[in-house]
Amino acid sequence: MAETEASDSGSVFRLIYSSRSQIPADDRTSELGAIFNTARVNNKRRGVTGALIISDESFVQALEGEESVVR
């Protein structure tokens, strides 16, 4: 699902998707920690915000920012 909303500072593009983890359960904590650390740095630099929900092996993520960056 993707959509664009108007805001005071221009358009905000939102992308929402779901996926399933391919990371072995024994490695999940360390691998996700590394992914989160990299994503925080990259998202801040690119002006992207979002949320990630994890349940067992399922992920749902929402990302918001400039469309060309989020896509």
PDB file of N, CA and C in Angstrom:
ATOM      1  N   MET A   1       0.849  -1.168   0.000  1.00  0.00           N
ATOM      2  CA  MET A   1       0.000   0.000   0.000  1.00  0.00           C
ATOM      3  C   MET A   1       0.893   1.228   0.000  1.00  0.00           C
ATOM      4  N   ALA A   2       0.619   2.158  -0.877  1.00  0.00           N
ATOM      5  CA  ALA A   2       1.370   3.403  -0.909  1.00  0.00           C
ATOM      6  C   ALA A   2       0.387   4.544  -1.117  1.00  0.00           C
ATOM      7  N   GLU A   3       0.671   5.678  -0.509  1.00  0.00           N
ATOM      8  CA  GLU A   3      -0.200   6.834  -0.668  1.00  0.00           C
ATOM      9  C   GLU A   3       0.610   8.096  -0.437  1.00  0.00           C
ATOM     10  N   THR A   4       0.071   9.200  -0.944  1.00  0.00           N
ATOM     11  CA  THR A   4       0.706  10.497  -0.762  1.00  0.00           C
ATOM     12  C   THR A   4      -0.268  11.413  -0.055  1.00  0.00           C
ATOM     13  N   GLU A   5       0.215  12.152   0.944  1.00  0.00           N
ATOM     14  CA  GLU A   5      -0.606  13.107   1.685  1.00  0.00           C
ATOM     15  C   GLU A   5       0.036  14.479   1.605  1.00  0.00           C
ATOM     16  N   ALA A   6      -0.796  15.512   1.603  1.00  0.00           N
ATOM     17  CA  ALA A   6      -0.282  16.877   1.655  1.00  0.00           C
ATOM     18  C   ALA A   6      -0.011  17.242   3.103  1.00  0.00           C
ATOM     19  N   SER A   7       1.026  18.023   3.333  1.00  0.00           N
ATOM     20  CA  SER A   7       1.328  18.522   4.666  1.00  0.00           C
ATOM     21  C   SER A   7       1.777  19.967   4.535  1.00  0.00           C
ATOM     22  N   ASP A   8       2.041  20.610   5.656  1.00  0.00           N
ATOM     23  CA  ASP A   8       2.477  22.004   5.633  1.00  0.00           C
ATOM     24  C   ASP A   8       3.779  22.180   4.864  1.00  0.00           C
ATOM     25  N   SER A   9       4.624  21.189   4.860  1.00  0.00           N
ATOM     26  CA  SER A   9       5.928  21.304   4.211  1.00  0.00           C
ATOM     27  C   SER A   9       5.957  20.649   2.831  1.00  0.00           C
ATOM     28  N   GLY A  10       4.809  20.253   2.291  1.00  0.00           N
ATOM     29  CA  GLY A  10       4.764  19.615   0.984  1.00  0.00           C
ATOM     30  C   GLY A  10       4.116  18.251   1.070  1.00  0.00           C
ATOM     31  N   SER A  11       4.392  17.423   0.087  1.00  0.00           N
ATOM     32  CA  SER A  11       3.809  16.087   0.042  1.00  0.00           C
ATOM     33  C   SER A  11       4.622  15.104   0.866  1.00  0.00           C
ATOM     34  N   VAL A  12       3.912  14.213   1.523  1.00  0.00           N
ATOM     35  CA  VAL A  12       4.542  13.127   2.267  1.00  0.00           C
ATOM     36  C   VAL A  12       4.057  11.824   1.648  1.00  0.00           C
ATOM     37  N   PHE A  13       4.988  10.987   1.261  1.00  0.00           N
ATOM     38  CA  PHE A  13       4.661   9.694   0.674  1.00  0.00           C
ATOM     39  C   PHE A  13       4.760   8.643   1.765  1.00  0.00           C
ATOM     40  N   ARG A  14       3.754   7.775   1.848  1.00  0.00           N
ATOM     41  CA  ARG A  14       3.745   6.715   2.860  1.00  0.00           C
ATOM     42  C   ARG A  14       3.703   5.366   2.157  1.00  0.00           C
ATOM     43  N   LEU A  15       4.593   4.490   2.568  1.00  0.00           N
ATOM     44  CA  LEU A  15       4.648   3.128   2.051  1.00  0.00           C
ATOM     45  C   LEU A  15       4.470   2.173   3.221  1.00  0.00           C
ATOM     46  N   ILE A  16       3.525   1.256   3.103  1.00  0.00           N
ATOM     47  CA  ILE A  16       3.279   0.258   4.147  1.00  0.00           C
ATOM     48  C   ILE A  16       3.385  -1.118   3.491  1.00  0.00           C
ATOM     49  N   TYR A  17       4.161  -1.985   4.118  1.00  0.00           N
ATOM     50  CA  TYR A  17       4.307  -3.324   3.553  1.00  0.00           C
ATOM     51  C   TYR A  17       4.501  -4.354   4.659  1.00  0.00           C
ATOM     52  N   SER A  18       4.298  -5.604   4.296  1.00  0.00           N
ATOM     53  CA  SER A  18       4.525  -6.701   5.243  1.00  0.00           C
ATOM     54  C   SER A  18       5.508  -7.682   4.609  1.00  0.00           C
ATOM     55  N   SER A  19       6.210  -8.390   5.476  1.00  0.00           N
ATOM     56  CA  SER A  19       7.173  -9.387   5.008  1.00  0.00           C
ATOM     57  C   SER A  19       7.375 -10.440   6.086  1.00  0.00           C
ATOM     58  N   ARG A  20       8.089 -11.480   5.726  1.00  0.00           N
ATOM     59  CA  ARG A  20       8.406 -12.550   6.672  1.00  0.00           C
ATOM     60  C   ARG A  20       9.916 -12.648   6.795  1.00  0.00           C
ATOM     61  N   SER A  21      10.369 -12.891   8.005  1.00  0.00           N
ATOM     62  CA  SER A  21      11.800 -12.971   8.286  1.00  0.00           C
ATOM     63  C   SER A  21      12.409 -14.225   7.674  1.00  0.00           C
ATOM     64  N   GLN A  22      13.589 -14.058   7.110  1.00  0.00           N
ATOM     65  CA  GLN A  22      14.393 -15.178   6.623  1.00  0.00           C
ATOM     66  C   GLN A  22      15.604 -15.384   7.527  1.00  0.00           C
ATOM     67  N   ILE A  23      15.664 -14.610   8.620  1.00  0.00           N
ATOM     68  CA  ILE A  23      16.784 -14.679   9.554  1.00  0.00           C
ATOM     69  C   ILE A  23      16.557 -15.856  10.503  1.00  0.00           C
ATOM     70  N   PRO A  24      17.526 -16.748  10.652  1.00  0.00           N
ATOM     71  CA  PRO A  24      17.369 -17.858  11.602  1.00  0.00           C
ATOM     72  C   PRO A  24      17.081 -17.323  13.010  1.00  0.00           C
ATOM     73  N   ALA A  25      16.220 -18.001  13.735  1.00  0.00           N
ATOM     74  CA  ALA A  25      15.795 -17.552  15.067  1.00  0.00           C
ATOM     75  C   ALA A  25      16.974 -17.285  15.999  1.00  0.00           C
ATOM     76  N   ASP A  26      18.004 -18.104  15.941  1.00  0.00           N
ATOM     77  CA  ASP A  26      19.167 -17.929  16.820  1.00  0.00           C
ATOM     78  C   ASP A  26      19.945 -16.649  16.533  1.00  0.00           C
ATOM     79  N   ASP A  27      19.850 -16.138  15.311  1.00  0.00           N
ATOM     80  CA  ASP A  27      20.596 -14.940  14.905  1.00  0.00           C
ATOM     81  C   ASP A  27      19.738 -13.676  14.904  1.00  0.00           C
ATOM     82  N   ARG A  28      18.449 -13.825  15.156  1.00  0.00           N
ATOM     83  CA  ARG A  28      17.508 -12.723  14.954  1.00  0.00           C
ATOM     84  C   ARG A  28      17.834 -11.483  15.780  1.00  0.00           C
ATOM     85  N   THR A  29      18.152 -11.630  17.057  1.00  0.00           N
ATOM     86  CA  THR A  29      18.400 -10.464  17.911  1.00  0.00           C
ATOM     87  C   THR A  29      19.574  -9.647  17.396  1.00  0.00           C
ATOM     88  N   SER A  30      20.688 -10.286  17.118  1.00  0.00           N
ATOM     89  CA  SER A  30      21.869  -9.539  16.662  1.00  0.00           C
ATOM     90  C   SER A  30      21.678  -8.985  15.252  1.00  0.00           C
ATOM     91  N   GLU A  31      21.068  -9.751  14.373  1.00  0.00           N
ATOM     92  CA  GLU A  31      20.853  -9.284  13.002  1.00  0.00           C
ATOM     93  C   GLU A  31      19.893  -8.100  12.964  1.00  0.00           C
ATOM     94  N   LEU A  32      18.790  -8.192  13.708  1.00  0.00           N
ATOM     95  CA  LEU A  32      17.839  -7.079  13.730  1.00  0.00           C
ATOM     96  C   LEU A  32      18.464  -5.840  14.356  1.00  0.00           C
ATOM     97  N   GLY A  33      19.277  -6.014  15.381  1.00  0.00           N
ATOM     98  CA  GLY A  33      19.972  -4.879  15.984  1.00  0.00           C
ATOM     99  C   GLY A  33      20.847  -4.159  14.971  1.00  0.00           C
ATOM    100  N   ALA A  34      21.574  -4.912  14.170  1.00  0.00           N
ATOM    101  CA  ALA A  34      22.433  -4.314  13.139  1.00  0.00           C
ATOM    102  C   ALA A  34      21.598  -3.604  12.076  1.00  0.00           C
ATOM    103  N   ILE A  35      20.491  -4.214  11.679  1.00  0.00           N
ATOM    104  CA  ILE A  35      19.600  -3.595  10.693  1.00  0.00           C
ATOM    105  C   ILE A  35      19.022  -2.297  11.251  1.00  0.00           C
ATOM    106  N   PHE A  36      18.567  -2.311  12.500  1.00  0.00           N
ATOM    107  CA  PHE A  36      17.989  -1.108  13.115  1.00  0.00           C
ATOM    108  C   PHE A  36      19.009   0.019  13.179  1.00  0.00           C
ATOM    109  N   ASN A  37      20.230  -0.290  13.586  1.00  0.00           N
ATOM    110  CA  ASN A  37      21.268   0.739  13.688  1.00  0.00           C
ATOM    111  C   ASN A  37      21.548   1.384  12.333  1.00  0.00           C
ATOM    112  N   THR A  38      21.662   0.578  11.306  1.00  0.00           N
ATOM    113  CA  THR A  38      21.904   1.104   9.961  1.00  0.00           C
ATOM    114  C   THR A  38      20.711   1.919   9.475  1.00  0.00           C
ATOM    115  N   ALA A  39      19.501   1.408   9.701  1.00  0.00           N
ATOM    116  CA  ALA A  39      18.294   2.109   9.253  1.00  0.00           C
ATOM    117  C   ALA A  39      18.144   3.460   9.942  1.00  0.00           C
ATOM    118  N   ARG A  40      18.429   3.531  11.235  1.00  0.00           N
ATOM    119  CA  ARG A  40      18.315   4.811  11.953  1.00  0.00           C
ATOM    120  C   ARG A  40      19.200   5.878  11.325  1.00  0.00           C
ATOM    121  N   VAL A  41      20.432   5.527  11.053  1.00  0.00           N
ATOM    122  CA  VAL A  41      21.378   6.481  10.459  1.00  0.00           C
ATOM    123  C   VAL A  41      20.917   6.890   9.060  1.00  0.00           C
ATOM    124  N   ASN A  42      20.601   5.900   8.227  1.00  0.00           N
ATOM    125  CA  ASN A  42      20.198   6.187   6.849  1.00  0.00           C
ATOM    126  C   ASN A  42      18.882   6.952   6.783  1.00  0.00           C
ATOM    127  N   ASN A  43      17.897   6.558   7.585  1.00  0.00           N
ATOM    128  CA  ASN A  43      16.601   7.234   7.560  1.00  0.00           C
ATOM    129  C   ASN A  43      16.717   8.679   8.012  1.00  0.00           C
ATOM    130  N   LYS A  44      17.492   8.940   9.046  1.00  0.00           N
ATOM    131  CA  LYS A  44      17.672  10.314   9.524  1.00  0.00           C
ATOM    132  C   LYS A  44      18.325  11.167   8.438  1.00  0.00           C
ATOM    133  N   ARG A  45      19.350  10.634   7.810  1.00  0.00           N
ATOM    134  CA  ARG A  45      20.064  11.368   6.758  1.00  0.00           C
ATOM    135  C   ARG A  45      19.151  11.672   5.573  1.00  0.00           C
ATOM    136  N   ARG A  46      18.223  10.777   5.284  1.00  0.00           N
ATOM    137  CA  ARG A  46      17.341  10.926   4.120  1.00  0.00           C
ATOM    138  C   ARG A  46      16.001  11.574   4.450  1.00  0.00           C
ATOM    139  N   GLY A  47      15.759  11.876   5.726  1.00  0.00           N
ATOM    140  CA  GLY A  47      14.494  12.502   6.113  1.00  0.00           C
ATOM    141  C   GLY A  47      13.315  11.551   6.075  1.00  0.00           C
ATOM    142  N   VAL A  48      13.555  10.289   6.377  1.00  0.00           N
ATOM    143  CA  VAL A  48      12.511   9.264   6.367  1.00  0.00           C
ATOM    144  C   VAL A  48      12.151   8.911   7.804  1.00  0.00           C
ATOM    145  N   THR A  49      10.854   8.809   8.072  1.00  0.00           N
ATOM    146  CA  THR A  49      10.384   8.347   9.374  1.00  0.00           C
ATOM    147  C   THR A  49       9.555   7.092   9.160  1.00  0.00           C
ATOM    148  N   GLY A  50       9.259   6.398  10.254  1.00  0.00           N
ATOM    149  CA  GLY A  50       8.456   5.205  10.093  1.00  0.00           C
ATOM    150  C   GLY A  50       8.305   4.419  11.364  1.00  0.00           C
ATOM    151  N   ALA A  51       7.700   3.261  11.209  1.00  0.00           N
ATOM    152  CA  ALA A  51       7.474   2.356  12.330  1.00  0.00           C
ATOM    153  C   ALA A  51       7.615   0.926  11.824  1.00  0.00           C
ATOM    154  N   LEU A  52       8.083   0.060  12.713  1.00  0.00           N
ATOM    155  CA  LEU A  52       8.240  -1.354  12.387  1.00  0.00           C
ATOM    156  C   LEU A  52       7.591  -2.174  13.486  1.00  0.00           C
ATOM    157  N   ILE A  53       6.720  -3.080  13.097  1.00  0.00           N
ATOM    158  CA  ILE A  53       6.074  -3.996  14.035  1.00  0.00           C
ATOM    159  C   ILE A  53       6.580  -5.399  13.713  1.00  0.00           C
ATOM    160  N   ILE A  54       7.040  -6.092  14.751  1.00  0.00           N
ATOM    161  CA  ILE A  54       7.549  -7.454  14.590  1.00  0.00           C
ATOM    162  C   ILE A  54       6.730  -8.384  15.472  1.00  0.00           C
ATOM    163  N   SER A  55       6.268  -9.472  14.892  1.00  0.00           N
ATOM    164  CA  SER A  55       5.555 -10.502  15.638  1.00  0.00           C
ATOM    165  C   SER A  55       6.043 -11.853  15.128  1.00  0.00           C
ATOM    166  N   ASP A  56       6.784 -12.542  15.973  1.00  0.00           N
ATOM    167  CA  ASP A  56       7.391 -13.812  15.575  1.00  0.00           C
ATOM    168  C   ASP A  56       8.225 -13.607  14.310  1.00  0.00           C
ATOM    169  N   GLU A  57       7.811 -14.189  13.204  1.00  0.00           N
ATOM    170  CA  GLU A  57       8.564 -14.059  11.955  1.00  0.00           C
ATOM    171  C   GLU A  57       7.934 -13.072  10.983  1.00  0.00           C
ATOM    172  N   SER A  58       6.896 -12.362  11.414  1.00  0.00           N
ATOM    173  CA  SER A  58       6.200 -11.418  10.547  1.00  0.00           C
ATOM    174  C   SER A  58       6.600  -9.985  10.862  1.00  0.00           C
ATOM    175  N   PHE A  59       6.714  -9.180   9.811  1.00  0.00           N
ATOM    176  CA  PHE A  59       7.048  -7.771   9.929  1.00  0.00           C
ATOM    177  C   PHE A  59       5.995  -6.947   9.198  1.00  0.00           C
ATOM    178  N   VAL A  60       5.648  -5.804   9.759  1.00  0.00           N
ATOM    179  CA  VAL A  60       4.864  -4.789   9.064  1.00  0.00           C
ATOM    180  C   VAL A  60       5.617  -3.487   9.269  1.00  0.00           C
ATOM    181  N   GLN A  61       5.870  -2.769   8.180  1.00  0.00           N
ATOM    182  CA  GLN A  61       6.620  -1.522   8.281  1.00  0.00           C
ATOM    183  C   GLN A  61       5.903  -0.419   7.530  1.00  0.00           C
ATOM    184  N   ALA A  62       5.920   0.772   8.119  1.00  0.00           N
ATOM    185  CA  ALA A  62       5.428   1.984   7.476  1.00  0.00           C
ATOM    186  C   ALA A  62       6.599   2.947   7.377  1.00  0.00           C
ATOM    187  N   LEU A  63       6.803   3.501   6.199  1.00  0.00           N
ATOM    188  CA  LEU A  63       7.848   4.491   5.970  1.00  0.00           C
ATOM    189  C   LEU A  63       7.202   5.737   5.389  1.00  0.00           C
ATOM    190  N   GLU A  64       7.673   6.917   5.811  1.00  0.00           N
ATOM    191  CA  GLU A  64       7.149   8.176   5.300  1.00  0.00           C
ATOM    192  C   GLU A  64       8.297   9.102   4.939  1.00  0.00           C
ATOM    193  N   GLY A  65       8.116   9.816   3.858  1.00  0.00           N
ATOM    194  CA  GLY A  65       9.117  10.782   3.426  1.00  0.00           C
ATOM    195  C   GLY A  65       8.861  11.168   1.987  1.00  0.00           C
ATOM    196  N   GLU A  66       9.865  11.748   1.368  1.00  0.00           N
ATOM    197  CA  GLU A  66       9.772  12.115  -0.034  1.00  0.00           C
ATOM    198  C   GLU A  66       9.649  10.839  -0.871  1.00  0.00           C
ATOM    199  N   GLU A  67       8.728  10.843  -1.822  1.00  0.00           N
ATOM    200  CA  GLU A  67       8.440   9.618  -2.578  1.00  0.00           C
ATOM    201  C   GLU A  67       9.676   9.020  -3.244  1.00  0.00           C
ATOM    202  N   SER A  68      10.499   9.841  -3.848  1.00  0.00           N
ATOM    203  CA  SER A  68      11.680   9.313  -4.543  1.00  0.00           C
ATOM    204  C   SER A  68      12.664   8.648  -3.586  1.00  0.00           C
ATOM    205  N   VAL A  69      12.630   9.018  -2.318  1.00  0.00           N
ATOM    206  CA  VAL A  69      13.520   8.430  -1.316  1.00  0.00           C
ATOM    207  C   VAL A  69      12.913   7.156  -0.737  1.00  0.00           C
ATOM    208  N   VAL A  70      11.624   7.192  -0.451  1.00  0.00           N
ATOM    209  CA  VAL A  70      10.950   6.058   0.195  1.00  0.00           C
ATOM    210  C   VAL A  70      10.815   4.876  -0.759  1.00  0.00           C
ATOM    211  N   ARG A  71      10.533   5.142  -2.006  1.00  0.00           N
ATOM    212  CA  ARG A  71      10.378   4.039  -2.976  1.00  0.00           C
ATOM    213  C   ARG A  71      11.707   3.382  -3.192  1.00  0.00           C
TER     214      ARG A  71
END
